[in-house]
Amino acid sequence: MKTYQVITPASTYPVSLTEAKSHLKVDTTADDTYIESIIKAATQLSEEYTNRFFIDTVIEQTCSSFADLQTLFKSKVSSVVTVRYYDNDNSLQTLNPTIYNALLNYEPSQIQLADGQSFPSITKRNDAVVARYTVGYGAAASDVPEIIKQAILLTIGNFYQNRASVITGKTATELPMNVKWLLDTYKVQIVG
């Protein structure tokens, strides 16, 4: 069993209010609060669709075995902070980084056993192994690829123009096909 939780969320969004208003050709402040909410929604939908966090986010993945670390949640992993485990005495220990290799260039990224090493014995529990790592393209919106930012802007435009919950022929909260087409180049496929 594997789960994750956000420890430190992103401090910004890939698209600013100014960029969104420019895209929408809005020059008043009357809709600022609404536009900010659809920036958040468009970003969250795009992150969910691609299986990524775009701006640096620290997450903690818990799993029942070291083998479950062969697929880390939410690419692009930029660094592994710690790997901890519950030993046979059910005490939380920190795994020595020389025991494992963090394969960060893979998508999804992986943590694997280093040559000549072995993982310690762990207690039987769903959260026996806890990995904390940072995912995202960087700390700033400028670090996010332009294709992703364009997809978010298109989604913002769609939400802004179509405020009703039902639009004939489609669901209002669904990503438009042109957005999916743009995001497909960044989508991380998870197998298994």
C-alpha atoms as a PDB file:
ATOM      1  CA  MET A   1       0.000   0.000   0.000  1.00  0.00           C
ATOM      2  CA  LYS A   2       1.341   3.437  -0.950  1.00  0.00           C
ATOM      3  CA  THR A   3       0.039   6.876  -0.083  1.00  0.00           C
ATOM      4  CA  TYR A   4       1.428  10.393  -0.053  1.00  0.00           C
ATOM      5  CA  GLN A   5       0.717  13.673   1.652  1.00  0.00           C
ATOM      6  CA  VAL A   6       1.903  17.186   0.953  1.00  0.00           C
ATOM      7  CA  ILE A   7       4.285  18.424   3.656  1.00  0.00           C
ATOM      8  CA  THR A   8       5.201  21.801   2.171  1.00  0.00           C
ATOM      9  CA  PRO A   9       2.912  23.056  -0.614  1.00  0.00           C
ATOM     10  CA  ALA A  10       4.072  25.227  -3.487  1.00  0.00           C
ATOM     11  CA  SER A  11       4.410  28.883  -2.561  1.00  0.00           C
ATOM     12  CA  THR A  12       3.048  30.156  -5.894  1.00  0.00           C
ATOM     13  CA  TYR A  13       1.222  29.038  -9.036  1.00  0.00           C
ATOM     14  CA  PRO A  14       2.674  28.651 -12.554  1.00  0.00           C
ATOM     15  CA  VAL A  15       0.401  31.431 -13.844  1.00  0.00           C
ATOM     16  CA  SER A  16       0.016  34.768 -12.069  1.00  0.00           C
ATOM     17  CA  LEU A  17      -3.135  36.847 -11.796  1.00  0.00           C
ATOM     18  CA  THR A  18      -1.547  39.414 -14.132  1.00  0.00           C
ATOM     19  CA  GLU A  19      -0.786  36.757 -16.770  1.00  0.00           C
ATOM     20  CA  ALA A  20      -4.291  35.291 -16.496  1.00  0.00           C
ATOM     21  CA  LYS A  21      -5.951  38.706 -16.818  1.00  0.00           C
ATOM     22  CA  SER A  22      -3.796  39.518 -19.840  1.00  0.00           C
ATOM     23  CA  HIS A  23      -4.784  36.212 -21.448  1.00  0.00           C
ATOM     24  CA  LEU A  24      -8.457  36.881 -20.700  1.00  0.00           C
ATOM     25  CA  LYS A  25      -8.175  40.513 -21.835  1.00  0.00           C
ATOM     26  CA  VAL A  26      -9.599  41.680 -18.490  1.00  0.00           C
ATOM     27  CA  ASP A  27      -8.488  45.117 -17.319  1.00  0.00           C
ATOM     28  CA  THR A  28     -10.656  45.635 -14.237  1.00  0.00           C
ATOM     29  CA  THR A  29     -10.309  44.224 -10.722  1.00  0.00           C
ATOM     30  CA  ALA A  30     -13.967  43.167 -10.434  1.00  0.00           C
ATOM     31  CA  ASP A  31     -13.240  39.483 -11.200  1.00  0.00           C
ATOM     32  CA  ASP A  32      -9.827  39.172  -9.499  1.00  0.00           C
ATOM     33  CA  THR A  33     -11.037  36.825  -6.767  1.00  0.00           C
ATOM     34  CA  TYR A  34     -12.839  34.619  -9.290  1.00  0.00           C
ATOM     35  CA  ILE A  35      -9.825  34.550 -11.631  1.00  0.00           C
ATOM     36  CA  GLU A  36      -7.536  33.601  -8.731  1.00  0.00           C
ATOM     37  CA  SER A  37      -9.837  30.686  -7.893  1.00  0.00           C
ATOM     38  CA  ILE A  38      -9.814  29.405 -11.470  1.00  0.00           C
ATOM     39  CA  ILE A  39      -6.007  29.720 -11.596  1.00  0.00           C
ATOM     40  CA  LYS A  40      -5.924  27.323  -8.632  1.00  0.00           C
ATOM     41  CA  ALA A  41      -8.497  24.982 -10.185  1.00  0.00           C
ATOM     42  CA  ALA A  42      -6.812  24.955 -13.605  1.00  0.00           C
ATOM     43  CA  THR A  43      -3.436  24.263 -11.986  1.00  0.00           C
ATOM     44  CA  GLN A  44      -4.803  21.444  -9.818  1.00  0.00           C
ATOM     45  CA  LEU A  45      -6.568  19.799 -12.761  1.00  0.00           C
ATOM     46  CA  SER A  46      -3.435  20.043 -14.896  1.00  0.00           C
ATOM     47  CA  GLU A  47      -1.251  18.619 -12.118  1.00  0.00           C
ATOM     48  CA  GLU A  48      -3.670  15.752 -11.579  1.00  0.00           C
ATOM     49  CA  TYR A  49      -3.832  15.021 -15.311  1.00  0.00           C
ATOM     50  CA  THR A  50      -0.035  14.952 -15.701  1.00  0.00           C
ATOM     51  CA  ASN A  51       0.706  13.238 -12.348  1.00  0.00           C
ATOM     52  CA  ARG A  52       3.072  16.087 -11.426  1.00  0.00           C
ATOM     53  CA  PHE A  53       3.439  19.060  -9.166  1.00  0.00           C
ATOM     54  CA  PHE A  54       4.704  22.006 -11.222  1.00  0.00           C
ATOM     55  CA  ILE A  55       6.192  24.262  -8.504  1.00  0.00           C
ATOM     56  CA  ASP A  56       8.493  22.765  -5.835  1.00  0.00           C
ATOM     57  CA  THR A  57       6.432  20.833  -3.302  1.00  0.00           C
ATOM     58  CA  VAL A  58       7.718  18.598  -0.503  1.00  0.00           C
ATOM     59  CA  ILE A  59       5.764  15.375  -0.200  1.00  0.00           C
ATOM     60  CA  GLU A  60       6.018  12.336   2.011  1.00  0.00           C
ATOM     61  CA  GLN A  61       5.295   8.904   0.592  1.00  0.00           C
ATOM     62  CA  THR A  62       4.457   6.109   2.992  1.00  0.00           C
ATOM     63  CA  CYS A  63       4.492   2.471   1.984  1.00  0.00           C
ATOM     64  CA  SER A  64       4.624  -0.993   3.459  1.00  0.00           C
ATOM     65  CA  SER A  65       7.980  -2.043   1.939  1.00  0.00           C
ATOM     66  CA  PHE A  66      11.150  -0.682   0.376  1.00  0.00           C
ATOM     67  CA  ALA A  67      10.064  -2.251  -2.930  1.00  0.00           C
ATOM     68  CA  ASP A  68       7.239   0.312  -3.114  1.00  0.00           C
ATOM     69  CA  LEU A  69       9.843   3.075  -3.520  1.00  0.00           C
ATOM     70  CA  GLN A  70      10.515   1.906  -7.071  1.00  0.00           C
ATOM     71  CA  THR A  71       7.754   4.295  -8.127  1.00  0.00           C
ATOM     72  CA  LEU A  72       7.734   7.699  -6.466  1.00  0.00           C
ATOM     73  CA  PHE A  73       4.612   9.819  -6.659  1.00  0.00           C
ATOM     74  CA  LYS A  74       4.442  13.071  -8.600  1.00  0.00           C
ATOM     75  CA  SER A  75       7.394  13.579 -10.929  1.00  0.00           C
ATOM     76  CA  LYS A  76       9.752  15.503 -11.443  1.00  0.00           C
ATOM     77  CA  VAL A  77      11.639  14.586  -8.253  1.00  0.00           C
ATOM     78  CA  SER A  78      14.472  17.034  -7.691  1.00  0.00           C
ATOM     79  CA  SER A  79      15.824  15.684  -4.391  1.00  0.00           C
ATOM     80  CA  VAL A  80      15.250  13.013  -1.777  1.00  0.00           C
ATOM     81  CA  VAL A  81      15.283  14.568   1.685  1.00  0.00           C
ATOM     82  CA  THR A  82      15.116  11.424   3.839  1.00  0.00           C
ATOM     83  CA  VAL A  83      14.094   7.793   3.783  1.00  0.00           C
ATOM     84  CA  ARG A  84      12.943   6.524   7.172  1.00  0.00           C
ATOM     85  CA  TYR A  85      11.655   3.132   8.257  1.00  0.00           C
ATOM     86  CA  TYR A  86      10.232   1.352  11.267  1.00  0.00           C
ATOM     87  CA  ASP A  87      12.691  -1.337  12.365  1.00  0.00           C
ATOM     88  CA  ASN A  88      11.796  -4.699  13.926  1.00  0.00           C
ATOM     89  CA  ASP A  89      11.376  -2.959  17.298  1.00  0.00           C
ATOM     90  CA  ASN A  90       8.860  -0.561  15.686  1.00  0.00           C
ATOM     91  CA  SER A  91      11.239   2.380  16.190  1.00  0.00           C
ATOM     92  CA  LEU A  92      11.553   5.009  13.484  1.00  0.00           C
ATOM     93  CA  GLN A  93      15.055   5.021  11.946  1.00  0.00           C
ATOM     94  CA  THR A  94      16.664   7.061   9.162  1.00  0.00           C
ATOM     95  CA  LEU A  95      18.109   5.039   6.311  1.00  0.00           C
ATOM     96  CA  ASN A  96      21.743   5.814   5.516  1.00  0.00           C
ATOM     97  CA  PRO A  97      21.816   7.428   2.022  1.00  0.00           C
ATOM     98  CA  THR A  98      24.731   5.168   1.011  1.00  0.00           C
ATOM     99  CA  ILE A  99      22.346   2.198   1.043  1.00  0.00           C
ATOM    100  CA  TYR A 100      20.184   3.490  -1.807  1.00  0.00           C
ATOM    101  CA  ASN A 101      20.369   5.305  -5.122  1.00  0.00           C
ATOM    102  CA  ALA A 102      17.839   7.981  -5.995  1.00  0.00           C
ATOM    103  CA  LEU A 103      17.127   7.645  -9.716  1.00  0.00           C
ATOM    104  CA  LEU A 104      15.783  11.125 -10.331  1.00  0.00           C
ATOM    105  CA  ASN A 105      16.142  11.179 -14.128  1.00  0.00           C
ATOM    106  CA  TYR A 106      13.529   8.432 -14.468  1.00  0.00           C
ATOM    107  CA  GLU A 107       9.871   9.339 -14.707  1.00  0.00           C
ATOM    108  CA  PRO A 108       8.450   8.252 -12.410  1.00  0.00           C
ATOM    109  CA  SER A 109      11.575   8.587 -10.256  1.00  0.00           C
ATOM    110  CA  GLN A 110      12.751   5.676  -8.157  1.00  0.00           C
ATOM    111  CA  ILE A 111      14.707   4.796  -5.048  1.00  0.00           C
ATOM    112  CA  GLN A 112      16.645   1.562  -5.497  1.00  0.00           C
ATOM    113  CA  LEU A 113      19.112  -0.442  -3.491  1.00  0.00           C
ATOM    114  CA  ALA A 114      22.765   0.472  -4.127  1.00  0.00           C
ATOM    115  CA  ASP A 115      25.126  -2.258  -5.360  1.00  0.00           C
ATOM    116  CA  GLY A 116      26.348  -4.502  -2.553  1.00  0.00           C
ATOM    117  CA  GLN A 117      23.841  -3.106  -0.054  1.00  0.00           C
ATOM    118  CA  SER A 118      20.733  -4.536   1.561  1.00  0.00           C
ATOM    119  CA  PHE A 119      17.725  -2.874   3.053  1.00  0.00           C
ATOM    120  CA  PRO A 120      17.238  -3.383   6.807  1.00  0.00           C
ATOM    121  CA  SER A 121      14.424  -5.481   8.197  1.00  0.00           C
ATOM    122  CA  ILE A 122      11.225  -3.580   8.851  1.00  0.00           C
ATOM    123  CA  THR A 123       8.168  -4.124  10.967  1.00  0.00           C
ATOM    124  CA  LYS A 124       4.916  -5.162   9.298  1.00  0.00           C
ATOM    125  CA  ARG A 125       2.769  -2.058   8.959  1.00  0.00           C
ATOM    126  CA  ASN A 126       1.276  -0.021   6.116  1.00  0.00           C
ATOM    127  CA  ASP A 127       3.580   2.933   6.828  1.00  0.00           C
ATOM    128  CA  ALA A 128       6.775   0.949   7.475  1.00  0.00           C
ATOM    129  CA  VAL A 129       8.783   3.057   4.995  1.00  0.00           C
ATOM    130  CA  VAL A 130       8.525   6.852   4.768  1.00  0.00           C
ATOM    131  CA  ALA A 131      10.292   8.792   1.994  1.00  0.00           C
ATOM    132  CA  ARG A 132      10.297  12.587   1.975  1.00  0.00           C
ATOM    133  CA  TYR A 133      11.257  14.268  -1.276  1.00  0.00           C
ATOM    134  CA  THR A 134      10.863  17.434  -3.316  1.00  0.00           C
ATOM    135  CA  VAL A 135       8.970  17.430  -6.612  1.00  0.00           C
ATOM    136  CA  GLY A 136       8.514  20.196  -9.154  1.00  0.00           C
ATOM    137  CA  TYR A 137      10.340  22.077 -11.879  1.00  0.00           C
ATOM    138  CA  GLY A 138      11.659  24.692  -9.436  1.00  0.00           C
ATOM    139  CA  ALA A 139      10.564  27.243  -6.857  1.00  0.00           C
ATOM    140  CA  ALA A 140       9.444  29.909  -9.333  1.00  0.00           C
ATOM    141  CA  ALA A 141       6.748  30.093 -11.986  1.00  0.00           C
ATOM    142  CA  SER A 142       9.486  30.848 -14.530  1.00  0.00           C
ATOM    143  CA  ASP A 143      10.844  27.303 -13.986  1.00  0.00           C
ATOM    144  CA  VAL A 144       7.648  25.711 -15.350  1.00  0.00           C
ATOM    145  CA  PRO A 145       7.720  24.789 -19.064  1.00  0.00           C
ATOM    146  CA  GLU A 146       5.831  27.224 -21.300  1.00  0.00           C
ATOM    147  CA  ILE A 147       3.638  24.452 -22.761  1.00  0.00           C
ATOM    148  CA  ILE A 148       2.277  23.698 -19.286  1.00  0.00           C
ATOM    149  CA  LYS A 149       1.671  27.388 -18.610  1.00  0.00           C
ATOM    150  CA  GLN A 150      -0.146  27.717 -21.933  1.00  0.00           C
ATOM    151  CA  ALA A 151      -2.349  24.711 -21.087  1.00  0.00           C
ATOM    152  CA  ILE A 152      -3.240  26.298 -17.743  1.00  0.00           C
ATOM    153  CA  LEU A 153      -4.065  29.603 -19.458  1.00  0.00           C
ATOM    154  CA  LEU A 154      -6.329  27.821 -21.963  1.00  0.00           C
ATOM    155  CA  THR A 155      -8.120  26.085 -19.092  1.00  0.00           C
ATOM    156  CA  ILE A 156      -8.513  29.399 -17.269  1.00  0.00           C
ATOM    157  CA  GLY A 157     -10.018  30.892 -20.433  1.00  0.00           C
ATOM    158  CA  ASN A 158     -12.412  27.971 -20.764  1.00  0.00           C
ATOM    159  CA  PHE A 159     -13.547  28.233 -17.131  1.00  0.00           C
ATOM    160  CA  TYR A 160     -13.899  32.014 -17.338  1.00  0.00           C
ATOM    161  CA  GLN A 161     -16.060  31.870 -20.487  1.00  0.00           C
ATOM    162  CA  ASN A 162     -18.118  28.844 -19.396  1.00  0.00           C
ATOM    163  CA  ARG A 163     -19.217  29.484 -15.826  1.00  0.00           C
ATOM    164  CA  ALA A 164     -22.257  27.203 -15.895  1.00  0.00           C
ATOM    165  CA  SER A 165     -21.936  23.732 -14.391  1.00  0.00           C
ATOM    166  CA  VAL A 166     -23.404  22.089 -17.490  1.00  0.00           C
ATOM    167  CA  ILE A 167     -22.516  23.014 -21.039  1.00  0.00           C
ATOM    168  CA  THR A 168     -24.209  21.156 -23.867  1.00  0.00           C
ATOM    169  CA  GLY A 169     -21.951  18.346 -25.002  1.00  0.00           C
ATOM    170  CA  LYS A 170     -19.286  18.460 -22.246  1.00  0.00           C
ATOM    171  CA  THR A 171     -18.611  18.667 -18.537  1.00  0.00           C
ATOM    172  CA  ALA A 172     -17.569  22.153 -17.420  1.00  0.00           C
ATOM    173  CA  THR A 173     -14.809  20.909 -15.089  1.00  0.00           C
ATOM    174  CA  GLU A 174     -13.206  18.673 -17.711  1.00  0.00           C
ATOM    175  CA  LEU A 175      -9.981  19.710 -19.365  1.00  0.00           C
ATOM    176  CA  PRO A 176     -10.534  20.788 -22.978  1.00  0.00           C
ATOM    177  CA  MET A 177      -9.049  18.507 -25.670  1.00  0.00           C
ATOM    178  CA  ASN A 178      -6.476  21.090 -26.800  1.00  0.00           C
ATOM    179  CA  VAL A 179      -5.266  21.358 -23.188  1.00  0.00           C
ATOM    180  CA  LYS A 180      -4.978  17.572 -22.893  1.00  0.00           C
ATOM    181  CA  TRP A 181      -3.035  17.535 -26.149  1.00  0.00           C
ATOM    182  CA  LEU A 182      -0.562  20.066 -24.751  1.00  0.00           C
ATOM    183  CA  LEU A 183      -0.267  18.320 -21.376  1.00  0.00           C
ATOM    184  CA  ASP A 184       0.148  14.840 -22.890  1.00  0.00           C
ATOM    185  CA  THR A 185       3.800  15.643 -23.624  1.00  0.00           C
ATOM    186  CA  TYR A 186       4.358  16.028 -19.861  1.00  0.00           C
ATOM    187  CA  LYS A 187       2.068  13.268 -18.592  1.00  0.00           C
ATOM    188  CA  VAL A 188       3.774  10.644 -16.446  1.00  0.00           C
ATOM    189  CA  GLN A 189       2.368   7.187 -17.067  1.00  0.00           C
ATOM    190  CA  ILE A 190       2.188   4.971 -14.004  1.00  0.00           C
ATOM    191  CA  VAL A 191       2.073   1.226 -14.709  1.00  0.00           C
ATOM    192  CA  GLY A 192       1.126  -1.324 -12.110  1.00  0.00           C
END
